[in-house]
Structures are given as C-alpha cells and as structure tokens.
C-alpha atoms as a PDB file:
ATOM      1  CA  MET A   1       7.580  14.536 -30.489  1.00  0.00           C
ATOM      2  CA  ASP A   2       5.079  11.654 -31.968  1.00  0.00           C
ATOM      3  CA  THR A   3       3.022   9.303 -29.564  1.00  0.00           C
ATOM      4  CA  GLN A   4       3.874   6.898 -32.095  1.00  0.00           C
ATOM      5  CA  PHE A   5       7.809   7.448 -30.960  1.00  0.00           C
ATOM      6  CA  ALA A   6       7.044   8.198 -27.042  1.00  0.00           C
ATOM      7  CA  GLN A   7       8.753   5.167 -24.377  1.00  0.00           C
ATOM      8  CA  LYS A   8       6.822   3.959 -21.658  1.00  0.00           C
ATOM      9  CA  LEU A   9       7.678   5.021 -18.307  1.00  0.00           C
ATOM     10  CA  PRO A  10      10.203   2.454 -16.857  1.00  0.00           C
ATOM     11  CA  ASN A  11       8.358   1.467 -13.578  1.00  0.00           C
ATOM     12  CA  SER A  12       4.452   3.072 -13.873  1.00  0.00           C
ATOM     13  CA  ASN A  13       3.106  -0.774 -14.199  1.00  0.00           C
ATOM     14  CA  THR A  14       5.588  -1.529 -11.173  1.00  0.00           C
ATOM     15  CA  VAL A  15       4.013   0.925  -8.992  1.00  0.00           C
ATOM     16  CA  LEU A  16       0.786  -0.285 -10.392  1.00  0.00           C
ATOM     17  CA  ILE A  17       1.320  -3.689  -8.941  1.00  0.00           C
ATOM     18  CA  LEU A  18       3.326  -2.078  -5.145  1.00  0.00           C
ATOM     19  CA  GLY A  19       0.167   0.300  -4.873  1.00  0.00           C
ATOM     20  CA  ILE A  20      -2.851  -2.716  -5.396  1.00  0.00           C
ATOM     21  CA  VAL A  21      -0.384  -5.562  -3.104  1.00  0.00           C
ATOM     22  CA  SER A  22      -0.299  -2.532  -0.346  1.00  0.00           C
ATOM     23  CA  LEU A  23      -2.957  -2.771  -0.128  1.00  0.00           C
ATOM     24  CA  VAL A  24      -3.955  -5.775   0.171  1.00  0.00           C
ATOM     25  CA  MET A  25      -1.108  -6.667   3.062  1.00  0.00           C
ATOM     26  CA  CYS A  26      -1.639  -2.721   5.143  1.00  0.00           C
ATOM     27  CA  CYS A  27      -2.941  -4.817   7.867  1.00  0.00           C
ATOM     28  CA  CYS A  28      -0.162  -7.515   7.995  1.00  0.00           C
ATOM     29  CA  TRP A  29       1.396  -5.652  11.281  1.00  0.00           C
ATOM     30  CA  GLY A  30       3.628  -3.068   8.496  1.00  0.00           C
ATOM     31  CA  VAL A  31       4.072  -5.307   6.048  1.00  0.00           C
ATOM     32  CA  GLY A  32       2.592  -3.672   3.456  1.00  0.00           C
ATOM     33  CA  LEU A  33       4.953  -0.722   4.148  1.00  0.00           C
ATOM     34  CA  ILE A  34       7.666  -1.999   2.341  1.00  0.00           C
ATOM     35  CA  PRO A  35       5.720  -2.367  -1.233  1.00  0.00           C
ATOM     36  CA  ALA A  36       4.571   1.481  -0.471  1.00  0.00           C
ATOM     37  CA  ILE A  37       7.557   3.176   0.326  1.00  0.00           C
ATOM     38  CA  ILE A  38       9.221   1.130  -2.998  1.00  0.00           C
ATOM     39  CA  GLY A  39       5.963   1.904  -4.397  1.00  0.00           C
ATOM     40  CA  LEU A  40       7.151   6.127  -3.665  1.00  0.00           C
ATOM     41  CA  VAL A  41      10.136   6.100  -4.608  1.00  0.00           C
ATOM     42  CA  LEU A  42       9.688   4.650  -8.450  1.00  0.00           C
ATOM     43  CA  ALA A  43       6.556   6.838  -9.063  1.00  0.00           C
ATOM     44  CA  ASN A  44       8.980  10.362  -7.564  1.00  0.00           C
ATOM     45  CA  LYS A  45      11.633   8.980  -9.880  1.00  0.00           C
ATOM     46  CA  ASP A  46       9.474   8.320 -13.212  1.00  0.00           C
ATOM     47  CA  SER A  47       7.719  11.416 -12.144  1.00  0.00           C
ATOM     48  CA  LYS A  48      10.634  13.384 -12.956  1.00  0.00           C
ATOM     49  CA  LEU A  49      10.803  11.646 -16.316  1.00  0.00           C
ATOM     50  CA  TYR A  50       8.361  12.356 -17.249  1.00  0.00           C
ATOM     51  CA  GLN A  51       8.356  16.187 -16.125  1.00  0.00           C
ATOM     52  CA  ALA A  52      11.864  16.443 -17.831  1.00  0.00           C
ATOM     53  CA  ASN A  53      10.246  14.849 -20.898  1.00  0.00           C
ATOM     54  CA  PRO A  54       6.288  14.710 -21.329  1.00  0.00           C
ATOM     55  CA  SER A  55       6.105  13.718 -24.666  1.00  0.00           C
ATOM     56  CA  GLY A  56       8.328  11.966 -24.867  1.00  0.00           C
ATOM     57  CA  TYR A  57       6.758   8.875 -22.147  1.00  0.00           C
ATOM     58  CA  THR A  58       3.582   6.877 -22.315  1.00  0.00           C
ATOM     59  CA  GLY A  59       1.827   5.335 -18.418  1.00  0.00           C
ATOM     60  CA  TYR A  60       1.054   8.473 -16.517  1.00  0.00           C
ATOM     61  CA  GLN A  61      -2.188   7.396 -15.657  1.00  0.00           C
ATOM     62  CA  ASN A  62      -0.985   4.165 -14.175  1.00  0.00           C
ATOM     63  CA  LEU A  63       2.449   5.367 -12.487  1.00  0.00           C
ATOM     64  CA  ASN A  64      -0.004   7.835 -10.876  1.00  0.00           C
ATOM     65  CA  THR A  65      -2.767   5.699  -9.645  1.00  0.00           C
ATOM     66  CA  GLY A  66       0.000   3.536  -8.532  1.00  0.00           C
ATOM     67  CA  LYS A  67       1.108   6.263  -6.291  1.00  0.00           C
ATOM     68  CA  ILE A  68      -2.152   6.995  -4.847  1.00  0.00           C
ATOM     69  CA  LEU A  69      -2.690   3.402  -3.911  1.00  0.00           C
ATOM     70  CA  CYS A  70       0.840   3.623  -2.186  1.00  0.00           C
ATOM     71  CA  ILE A  71      -0.131   6.709  -0.548  1.00  0.00           C
ATOM     72  CA  ILE A  72      -3.151   5.022   0.613  1.00  0.00           C
ATOM     73  CA  GLY A  73      -1.062   1.701   1.708  1.00  0.00           C
ATOM     74  CA  LEU A  74       1.118   3.737   3.898  1.00  0.00           C
ATOM     75  CA  VAL A  75      -2.156   5.183   5.589  1.00  0.00           C
ATOM     76  CA  LEU A  76      -3.623   2.568   5.987  1.00  0.00           C
ATOM     77  CA  GLY A  77      -0.415   0.568   6.854  1.00  0.00           C
ATOM     78  CA  VAL A  78       0.647   2.893   9.864  1.00  0.00           C
ATOM     79  CA  ILE A  79      -2.239   3.657  10.748  1.00  0.00           C
ATOM     80  CA  ASN A  80      -3.417  -0.166  11.283  1.00  0.00           C
ATOM     81  CA  LEU A  81       1.146  -0.814  12.793  1.00  0.00           C
ATOM     82  CA  LEU A  82       0.083   2.172  15.760  1.00  0.00           C
ATOM     83  CA  LEU A  83      -3.168   0.405  16.007  1.00  0.00           C
ATOM     84  CA  ASN A  84      -1.581  -2.480  16.156  1.00  0.00           C
ATOM     85  CA  LEU A  85       1.485  -1.660  18.635  1.00  0.00           C
ATOM     86  CA  TYR A  86      -0.816   0.168  21.278  1.00  0.00           C
ATOM     87  CA  ILE A  87      -3.365  -2.956  21.890  1.00  0.00           C
ATOM     88  CA  SER A  88       0.279  -5.044  22.448  1.00  0.00           C
ATOM     89  CA  VAL A  89       1.292  -2.097  24.645  1.00  0.00           C
ATOM     90  CA  ILE A  90      -1.997  -1.517  26.297  1.00  0.00           C
ATOM     91  CA  TYR A  91      -2.911  -4.824  26.677  1.00  0.00           C
ATOM     92  CA  GLY A  92      -0.839  -7.311  26.436  1.00  0.00           C
ATOM     93  CA  MET A  93      -0.275  -9.881  23.348  1.00  0.00           C
ATOM     94  CA  ASP A  94      -2.007 -12.387  25.920  1.00  0.00           C
ATOM     95  CA  ASN A  95      -4.794 -10.965  26.447  1.00  0.00           C
ATOM     96  CA  PHE A  96      -5.099  -9.993  23.203  1.00  0.00           C
ATOM     97  CA  GLN A  97      -5.155 -13.340  22.430  1.00  0.00           C
ATOM     98  CA  GLU A  98      -7.572 -13.999  25.004  1.00  0.00           C
ATOM     99  CA  MET A  99     -10.085 -11.365  23.369  1.00  0.00           C
ATOM    100  CA  LEU A 100     -10.034 -12.286  20.421  1.00  0.00           C
ATOM    101  CA  GLN A 101     -10.835 -16.158  20.818  1.00  0.00           C
ATOM    102  CA  GLU A 102     -13.744 -14.347  23.470  1.00  0.00           C
ATOM    103  CA  PHE A 103     -14.948 -12.790  20.436  1.00  0.00           C
ATOM    104  CA  GLN A 104     -15.216 -15.408  17.657  1.00  0.00           C
ATOM    105  CA  THR A 105     -16.441 -17.699  21.127  1.00  0.00           C
ATOM    106  CA  GLN A 106     -19.407 -15.124  21.123  1.00  0.00           C
ATOM    107  CA  MET A 107     -20.143 -15.122  17.176  1.00  0.00           C
ATOM    108  CA  GLN A 108     -20.040 -18.533  16.608  1.00  0.00           C
ATOM    109  CA  GLN A 109     -22.751 -19.042  19.391  1.00  0.00           C
ATOM    110  CA  GLN A 110     -24.630 -16.327  17.747  1.00  0.00           C
ATOM    111  CA  GLN A 111     -24.953 -17.956  14.298  1.00  0.00           C
ATOM    112  CA  ASN A 112     -26.224 -20.965  16.039  1.00  0.00           C
END
C-alpha cells in the first residue's frame, strides 16, 4: 500500500503526550503512574494494529518513543512512590517534614 493512503495510528500522539506527562509527574507521589499505565495500554493496542498491517499506518516512531517514555515514567514513578512510602513509614510524616524544614534552613544559611 502506498504511504499517501496510509492512515495515522489513532493513539500515537496521545501515547507520546502521556509519556511526557508521566515523566513530568513521576515525582508526585505516584500520580505519574496513571498516565504511564494508560499510555502503555494505548501503545500496545496501536502496536497490534500496526503489526497487523505495517504499510497501512504511519506514526509508529511517535508510538515507540511514547512507549519508551511511559516505561521510564512508570519505573521512576514506582521508585519514587516506594521511596516516599519507605521514608514515611520509617521516619513518620512529622519527622520527615521537620527534616525538610531543617534542610531548607541550612540551605538558606549557606546562601547568606
């Protein structure tokens, strides 16, 4: 099939955007996991479409890039979530907030 008649993969740009959003939000207590998982589901769906008829679709590069970004965002989000849970369980939220305030005070003193 000629590329001028090829259709664009329906979710290729969406997957790319979700991958970028998951990377940006990966440090927000696991919120970045949501777009990463949605992006991976959509990427797998479009991958199957493309594999069934490679010459009938364009935009596979965006799909692949978005899928990679979603995987990276998912891994970073899980690591961050586990680290935050570990800190809150070991130190407790009150102690953690006190540690952050002490750190900020020290940083301000070093700048002056």
